[in-house]
Amino acid sequence: MTIRSTKGARRRGLITGVVLAGLLSLSACTSGQEAAPAGEGSGPTDGPVTIAFLQKQGDQQYFVDEATGAKAAAEADGNAEIKVVDLGTDSNKAISELDSVIAQGVDGIIIVVPDQQIGPQVIEAANAAGIPIMAADDVIKDASGAEAPFTGFDGNAMGTLVGQEAARLYTEAGWAPEDTRILSAYKQDLSVCTDRVDGASAAFTAGIKGTAPALVEIGTDNSATDAQDQAGAVITANAGVKHWIVWGCNDENETGVVTALQNSGVGPADIAGVGLGAYLTCKDWAAGQDTGNKAALFISGIEVGKAAVNSMLALLREGTPLPPKTIADTAIVNADDWEDKGVVCT
């Protein structure tokens, strides 16, 4: 998997050691000088550096992989430490942990926020401390609406690939729209999730002939357990439906809904589930099980973690500005080719 960075990053001046010392002195409180904006640092260094990696839902496999990639990049540097913090889904914890790593004097901060609404507060706190910050996976914006440097995926493009694959599976199956339903499960207040499922829906409609099956949205907290629980009522309310297409914001959503369908008695042949991640869908494939998880978009948390840390290290070591947006490549995989395409099923 490759990572490509967008060009045209604004050149930012680096603060010299003398100026930094002035900024940190008490006199700076009355000097009218402002803290460096996100993406700037205190100057290149070849000494030891510490980067805080704050992640939502750190127990999910994707984020476990992301932390592994971050640590690998730090190890390759030889003089960098990664401080990984699991924020769960708690925005209050995110703020308190951010304050904690700032107080510890970390050199850089990479954050996956539990809620994008805390973006302005997060960026302001890092800026006030003069610590460069970047977002991973979920975009965050400051109070003016400007985005922090970002490493992750293009949500709409990801959804488009999922929708195209779902359209292919639906067309090949020869199902009729009147006895088919699409289940779209996702955290509905998260913009990256909305981008993904909207992209999937548009691509599916464009990829089939005739009228599309009715789409039912399922609000979840992006966990497999909640997706499975929330899907139960929807399945019960659509007792006459014969065939099901499933997608969601991540592998947790898709596999959770597929599990609910299969537990309710729907056979794998009547389910066309397209995951997003492949780290959970691959488990059925690795076990050789007959499953409704027919395909998935492979995204590598390891590569995102590496790319984010390498960008931060380039700033800290060489003064290279953080790229405004670094986008990871993706690929559709299935039971026949997932291993060849590099999916590691843990």
Foldseek 3Di string as FASTA:
>chain_A
DDWDFDDDDDADDAAEPVVVVVCPDPVVVVPPDFFAAAQYFNDADLAAAEEEEEEEPCVDPLNVLLVVLLVVLQVVSVRYHYHYHYPHLDQVSVVVVLVVVLVVPGQAYEYAGSALVCQQVSRVVCRRSNHHYEYEPAWHAHPVRHTHAYFYAQLLVQLLVLLLVLLVLCVVLVDDQVQEEEEEEEAVNGVSFVSNVVSNVVNNVVNHPDDHHYYDYFHASLALQRLLVRLLVVCVVSVRHQAYEYEYSAQSNQVSNQVNCVVVPHFLSRAQTEGEACQPLCVCLVVVHSGVHFKYKHDHSSVRSNVVNVLSNCCRNPVDGRRNYMHDDIDMDGSPCCVVVPDDHD
